[in-house]
Amino acid sequence: MEELTRKEEQILLAVHFLNSNAYLITIREYIRESTGKNYSVGTIYAPLSRLHINGYLKSHLEKTEDSNKPVRYYELSDKGYESLTNLKKQTEAMWEGFTKPVLRK
């Protein structure tokens, strides 16, 4: 399994939770609302494109009522879902048993 960056993980999770409404702007807004980080469009676009090229995401173009320009909508591929599932298991295993250390005097 390829290692994902934190931003790639956030993008995949955003796509998962946005479901059929996942496109560049909504993904960016979801990440901002969830993490408090206000990434630029370009900062989201590069890893989003990479995830798509590497098969973690599927996409389709759709025209909107607001614009004649089509919008690219994303959804998780099987590879993307499996990657998130494995990442969640790994993270939980790493954090298991985490407690505040006992301070010695």
N, C-alpha and C. Protein backbone atom coordinates (compact mmCIF):
# COMPACT_ATOMS: atom_id res chain seq x y z
N MET A 1 0.84 -1.19 0.00
CA MET A 1 0.00 0.00 0.00
C MET A 1 0.88 1.25 0.00
N GLU A 2 0.55 2.18 -0.85
CA GLU A 2 1.27 3.44 -0.88
C GLU A 2 0.91 4.26 0.35
N GLU A 3 1.88 5.03 0.83
CA GLU A 3 1.63 5.93 1.95
C GLU A 3 0.92 7.18 1.44
N LEU A 4 -0.11 7.59 2.13
CA LEU A 4 -0.83 8.81 1.79
C LEU A 4 -0.35 9.95 2.68
N THR A 5 -0.34 11.15 2.15
CA THR A 5 -0.05 12.31 2.98
C THR A 5 -1.29 12.63 3.80
N ARG A 6 -1.12 13.46 4.80
CA ARG A 6 -2.26 13.87 5.65
C ARG A 6 -3.30 14.58 4.80
N LYS A 7 -2.85 15.43 3.88
CA LYS A 7 -3.79 16.16 3.03
C LYS A 7 -4.55 15.21 2.10
N GLU A 8 -3.87 14.19 1.57
CA GLU A 8 -4.55 13.20 0.74
C GLU A 8 -5.60 12.45 1.56
N GLU A 9 -5.25 12.12 2.79
CA GLU A 9 -6.21 11.46 3.68
C GLU A 9 -7.43 12.36 3.90
N GLN A 10 -7.20 13.64 4.15
CA GLN A 10 -8.30 14.58 4.36
C GLN A 10 -9.18 14.68 3.12
N ILE A 11 -8.56 14.70 1.96
CA ILE A 11 -9.33 14.78 0.70
C ILE A 11 -10.19 13.54 0.52
N LEU A 12 -9.61 12.37 0.72
CA LEU A 12 -10.38 11.12 0.57
C LEU A 12 -11.55 11.09 1.56
N LEU A 13 -11.30 11.50 2.79
CA LEU A 13 -12.39 11.52 3.78
C LEU A 13 -13.46 12.53 3.38
N ALA A 14 -13.06 13.68 2.89
CA ALA A 14 -14.04 14.69 2.44
C ALA A 14 -14.89 14.14 1.31
N VAL A 15 -14.26 13.49 0.34
CA VAL A 15 -15.01 12.90 -0.77
C VAL A 15 -16.00 11.86 -0.25
N HIS A 16 -15.55 11.05 0.68
CA HIS A 16 -16.44 10.03 1.25
C HIS A 16 -17.66 10.66 1.92
N PHE A 17 -17.43 11.67 2.75
CA PHE A 17 -18.54 12.26 3.50
C PHE A 17 -19.41 13.19 2.67
N LEU A 18 -18.85 13.79 1.62
CA LEU A 18 -19.65 14.66 0.74
C LEU A 18 -20.51 13.85 -0.22
N ASN A 19 -20.15 12.60 -0.42
CA ASN A 19 -20.91 11.69 -1.26
C ASN A 19 -21.04 12.23 -2.67
N SER A 20 -22.24 12.46 -3.16
CA SER A 20 -22.43 12.87 -4.56
C SER A 20 -22.19 14.36 -4.77
N ASN A 21 -21.85 15.10 -3.73
CA ASN A 21 -21.61 16.53 -3.85
C ASN A 21 -20.12 16.88 -3.72
N ALA A 22 -19.24 15.94 -4.05
CA ALA A 22 -17.81 16.14 -3.88
C ALA A 22 -17.17 16.69 -5.15
N TYR A 23 -16.87 17.98 -5.13
CA TYR A 23 -16.06 18.59 -6.19
C TYR A 23 -15.09 19.54 -5.52
N LEU A 24 -14.17 20.09 -6.27
CA LEU A 24 -13.04 20.83 -5.71
C LEU A 24 -13.43 21.81 -4.60
N ILE A 25 -14.41 22.65 -4.85
CA ILE A 25 -14.78 23.70 -3.88
C ILE A 25 -15.43 23.10 -2.63
N THR A 26 -16.31 22.13 -2.79
CA THR A 26 -16.95 21.54 -1.61
C THR A 26 -15.95 20.73 -0.79
N ILE A 27 -15.00 20.09 -1.46
CA ILE A 27 -13.95 19.35 -0.75
C ILE A 27 -13.12 20.31 0.09
N ARG A 28 -12.72 21.42 -0.52
CA ARG A 28 -11.95 22.45 0.19
C ARG A 28 -12.71 22.97 1.40
N GLU A 29 -14.00 23.26 1.22
CA GLU A 29 -14.82 23.79 2.31
C GLU A 29 -15.01 22.75 3.42
N TYR A 30 -15.20 21.51 3.06
CA TYR A 30 -15.36 20.45 4.06
C TYR A 30 -14.10 20.34 4.92
N ILE A 31 -12.95 20.37 4.28
CA ILE A 31 -11.69 20.29 5.02
C ILE A 31 -11.54 21.51 5.93
N ARG A 32 -11.89 22.69 5.44
CA ARG A 32 -11.81 23.91 6.26
C ARG A 32 -12.71 23.80 7.47
N GLU A 33 -13.94 23.37 7.27
CA GLU A 33 -14.89 23.24 8.38
C GLU A 33 -14.45 22.17 9.38
N SER A 34 -13.85 21.10 8.89
CA SER A 34 -13.47 19.98 9.76
C SER A 34 -12.17 20.22 10.51
N THR A 35 -11.22 20.93 9.87
CA THR A 35 -9.89 21.07 10.46
C THR A 35 -9.53 22.49 10.87
N GLY A 36 -10.26 23.47 10.33
CA GLY A 36 -9.91 24.87 10.59
C GLY A 36 -8.82 25.39 9.67
N LYS A 37 -8.30 24.53 8.80
CA LYS A 37 -7.25 24.94 7.86
C LYS A 37 -7.89 25.46 6.58
N ASN A 38 -7.48 26.66 6.18
CA ASN A 38 -8.05 27.30 4.99
C ASN A 38 -7.07 27.18 3.83
N TYR A 39 -7.05 26.01 3.19
CA TYR A 39 -6.15 25.77 2.07
C TYR A 39 -6.63 26.50 0.83
N SER A 40 -5.69 26.92 0.00
CA SER A 40 -6.04 27.51 -1.28
C SER A 40 -6.56 26.42 -2.21
N VAL A 41 -7.24 26.83 -3.26
CA VAL A 41 -7.77 25.88 -4.23
C VAL A 41 -6.62 25.06 -4.83
N GLY A 42 -5.52 25.72 -5.16
CA GLY A 42 -4.38 25.03 -5.74
C GLY A 42 -3.77 24.00 -4.82
N THR A 43 -3.79 24.28 -3.53
CA THR A 43 -3.24 23.36 -2.54
C THR A 43 -4.07 22.08 -2.45
N ILE A 44 -5.35 22.19 -2.74
CA ILE A 44 -6.22 21.01 -2.75
C ILE A 44 -6.18 20.33 -4.11
N TYR A 45 -6.11 21.13 -5.18
CA TYR A 45 -6.20 20.57 -6.53
C TYR A 45 -5.08 19.58 -6.84
N ALA A 46 -3.84 19.91 -6.46
CA ALA A 46 -2.70 19.04 -6.81
C ALA A 46 -2.85 17.63 -6.22
N PRO A 47 -3.07 17.48 -4.90
CA PRO A 47 -3.24 16.11 -4.38
C PRO A 47 -4.54 15.45 -4.85
N LEU A 48 -5.58 16.24 -5.08
CA LEU A 48 -6.84 15.70 -5.59
C LEU A 48 -6.61 15.07 -6.97
N SER A 49 -5.90 15.79 -7.81
CA SER A 49 -5.57 15.29 -9.14
C SER A 49 -4.70 14.03 -9.06
N ARG A 50 -3.72 14.04 -8.17
CA ARG A 50 -2.83 12.89 -7.99
C ARG A 50 -3.62 11.66 -7.53
N LEU A 51 -4.54 11.85 -6.59
CA LEU A 51 -5.37 10.75 -6.11
C LEU A 51 -6.22 10.17 -7.24
N HIS A 52 -6.71 11.04 -8.10
CA HIS A 52 -7.51 10.61 -9.25
C HIS A 52 -6.65 9.82 -10.23
N ILE A 53 -5.49 10.35 -10.56
CA ILE A 53 -4.58 9.69 -11.51
C ILE A 53 -4.14 8.32 -10.99
N ASN A 54 -3.92 8.23 -9.68
CA ASN A 54 -3.43 6.98 -9.08
C ASN A 54 -4.55 6.00 -8.72
N GLY A 55 -5.78 6.31 -9.08
CA GLY A 55 -6.87 5.35 -8.95
C GLY A 55 -7.58 5.32 -7.61
N TYR A 56 -7.33 6.29 -6.74
CA TYR A 56 -8.04 6.35 -5.46
C TYR A 56 -9.43 6.98 -5.61
N LEU A 57 -9.60 7.74 -6.68
CA LEU A 57 -10.86 8.43 -6.93
C LEU A 57 -11.33 8.18 -8.36
N LYS A 58 -12.63 8.17 -8.53
CA LYS A 58 -13.25 8.17 -9.86
C LYS A 58 -13.89 9.54 -10.02
N SER A 59 -14.14 9.95 -11.26
CA SER A 59 -14.78 11.25 -11.46
C SER A 59 -15.67 11.24 -12.69
N HIS A 60 -16.50 12.26 -12.75
CA HIS A 60 -17.30 12.51 -13.94
C HIS A 60 -17.56 14.01 -14.03
N LEU A 61 -17.78 14.49 -15.25
CA LEU A 61 -18.09 15.90 -15.48
C LEU A 61 -19.60 16.08 -15.55
N GLU A 62 -20.06 17.19 -15.00
CA GLU A 62 -21.48 17.49 -14.99
C GLU A 62 -21.68 18.99 -15.12
N LYS A 63 -22.57 19.40 -15.99
CA LYS A 63 -22.89 20.83 -16.11
C LYS A 63 -23.79 21.24 -14.96
N THR A 64 -23.58 22.46 -14.48
CA THR A 64 -24.41 22.98 -13.41
C THR A 64 -25.33 24.06 -13.96
N GLU A 65 -26.36 24.40 -13.21
CA GLU A 65 -27.29 25.45 -13.63
C GLU A 65 -26.62 26.82 -13.60
N ASP A 66 -25.66 27.00 -12.67
CA ASP A 66 -25.01 28.29 -12.49
C ASP A 66 -24.03 28.63 -13.59
N SER A 67 -23.51 27.64 -14.29
CA SER A 67 -22.45 27.89 -15.24
C SER A 67 -22.56 26.92 -16.41
N ASN A 68 -22.08 27.37 -17.55
CA ASN A 68 -22.02 26.48 -18.71
C ASN A 68 -20.80 25.57 -18.63
N LYS A 69 -19.86 25.93 -17.77
CA LYS A 69 -18.64 25.14 -17.61
C LYS A 69 -18.93 23.91 -16.75
N PRO A 70 -18.56 22.73 -17.23
CA PRO A 70 -18.82 21.52 -16.42
C PRO A 70 -17.94 21.47 -15.17
N VAL A 71 -18.44 20.82 -14.16
CA VAL A 71 -17.75 20.64 -12.89
C VAL A 71 -17.37 19.17 -12.78
N ARG A 72 -16.16 18.91 -12.28
CA ARG A 72 -15.71 17.52 -12.09
C ARG A 72 -16.09 17.07 -10.68
N TYR A 73 -16.93 16.07 -10.61
CA TYR A 73 -17.36 15.47 -9.34
C TYR A 73 -16.55 14.20 -9.10
N TYR A 74 -16.23 13.95 -7.83
CA TYR A 74 -15.39 12.82 -7.45
C TYR A 74 -16.14 11.85 -6.55
N GLU A 75 -15.70 10.60 -6.60
CA GLU A 75 -16.18 9.59 -5.66
C GLU A 75 -15.03 8.62 -5.39
N LEU A 76 -15.08 7.98 -4.23
CA LEU A 76 -14.04 7.02 -3.89
C LEU A 76 -14.12 5.81 -4.80
N SER A 77 -12.97 5.35 -5.24
CA SER A 77 -12.90 4.07 -5.93
C SER A 77 -12.75 2.98 -4.86
N ASP A 78 -12.78 1.73 -5.28
CA ASP A 78 -12.55 0.64 -4.33
C ASP A 78 -11.18 0.79 -3.68
N LYS A 79 -10.19 1.18 -4.47
CA LYS A 79 -8.83 1.38 -3.96
C LYS A 79 -8.81 2.49 -2.90
N GLY A 80 -9.53 3.57 -3.14
CA GLY A 80 -9.59 4.67 -2.19
C GLY A 80 -10.25 4.27 -0.89
N TYR A 81 -11.35 3.54 -0.99
CA TYR A 81 -12.06 3.08 0.21
C TYR A 81 -11.19 2.11 1.01
N GLU A 82 -10.55 1.18 0.32
CA GLU A 82 -9.67 0.21 0.98
C GLU A 82 -8.50 0.92 1.66
N SER A 83 -7.95 1.91 0.99
CA SER A 83 -6.83 2.66 1.55
C SER A 83 -7.24 3.39 2.83
N LEU A 84 -8.42 4.02 2.82
CA LEU A 84 -8.90 4.70 4.02
C LEU A 84 -9.16 3.70 5.16
N THR A 85 -9.72 2.56 4.83
CA THR A 85 -9.99 1.53 5.83
C THR A 85 -8.69 1.07 6.49
N ASN A 86 -7.67 0.81 5.68
CA ASN A 86 -6.38 0.38 6.21
C ASN A 86 -5.72 1.48 7.03
N LEU A 87 -5.82 2.70 6.56
CA LEU A 87 -5.22 3.83 7.28
C LEU A 87 -5.88 4.01 8.65
N LYS A 88 -7.19 3.85 8.71
CA LYS A 88 -7.91 3.95 9.98
C LYS A 88 -7.45 2.87 10.95
N LYS A 89 -7.30 1.64 10.48
CA LYS A 89 -6.82 0.55 11.33
C LYS A 89 -5.41 0.82 11.84
N GLN A 90 -4.54 1.30 10.95
CA GLN A 90 -3.16 1.60 11.35
C GLN A 90 -3.12 2.70 12.39
N THR A 91 -3.91 3.75 12.17
CA THR A 91 -3.93 4.87 13.10
C THR A 91 -4.45 4.43 14.46
N GLU A 92 -5.52 3.67 14.48
CA GLU A 92 -6.06 3.18 15.75
C GLU A 92 -5.05 2.31 16.47
N ALA A 93 -4.32 1.48 15.75
CA ALA A 93 -3.31 0.62 16.37
C ALA A 93 -2.17 1.46 16.96
N MET A 94 -1.77 2.50 16.26
CA MET A 94 -0.69 3.36 16.75
C MET A 94 -1.11 4.12 18.01
N TRP A 95 -2.38 4.53 18.09
CA TRP A 95 -2.86 5.33 19.22
C TRP A 95 -3.35 4.47 20.39
N GLU A 96 -3.48 3.18 20.18
CA GLU A 96 -3.99 2.31 21.24
C GLU A 96 -3.11 2.40 22.47
N GLY A 97 -3.74 2.60 23.60
CA GLY A 97 -3.03 2.66 24.85
C GLY A 97 -2.39 4.01 25.15
N PHE A 98 -2.64 4.99 24.32
CA PHE A 98 -2.05 6.31 24.54
C PHE A 98 -2.64 6.92 25.81
N THR A 99 -1.77 7.29 26.72
CA THR A 99 -2.19 7.94 27.95
C THR A 99 -1.17 9.00 28.30
N LYS A 100 -1.54 9.84 29.23
CA LYS A 100 -0.62 10.86 29.71
C LYS A 100 0.49 10.17 30.50
N PRO A 101 1.76 10.47 30.18
CA PRO A 101 2.84 9.79 30.90
C PRO A 101 2.89 10.23 32.36
N VAL A 102 3.35 9.32 33.20
CA VAL A 102 3.53 9.62 34.61
C VAL A 102 4.81 10.44 34.75
N LEU A 103 4.69 11.59 35.39
CA LEU A 103 5.86 12.44 35.58
C LEU A 103 6.63 11.99 36.80
N ARG A 104 7.91 11.91 36.65
CA ARG A 104 8.77 11.50 37.77
C ARG A 104 9.41 12.74 38.38
N LYS A 105 9.53 12.73 39.67
CA LYS A 105 10.15 13.87 40.36
C LYS A 105 11.58 13.57 40.71
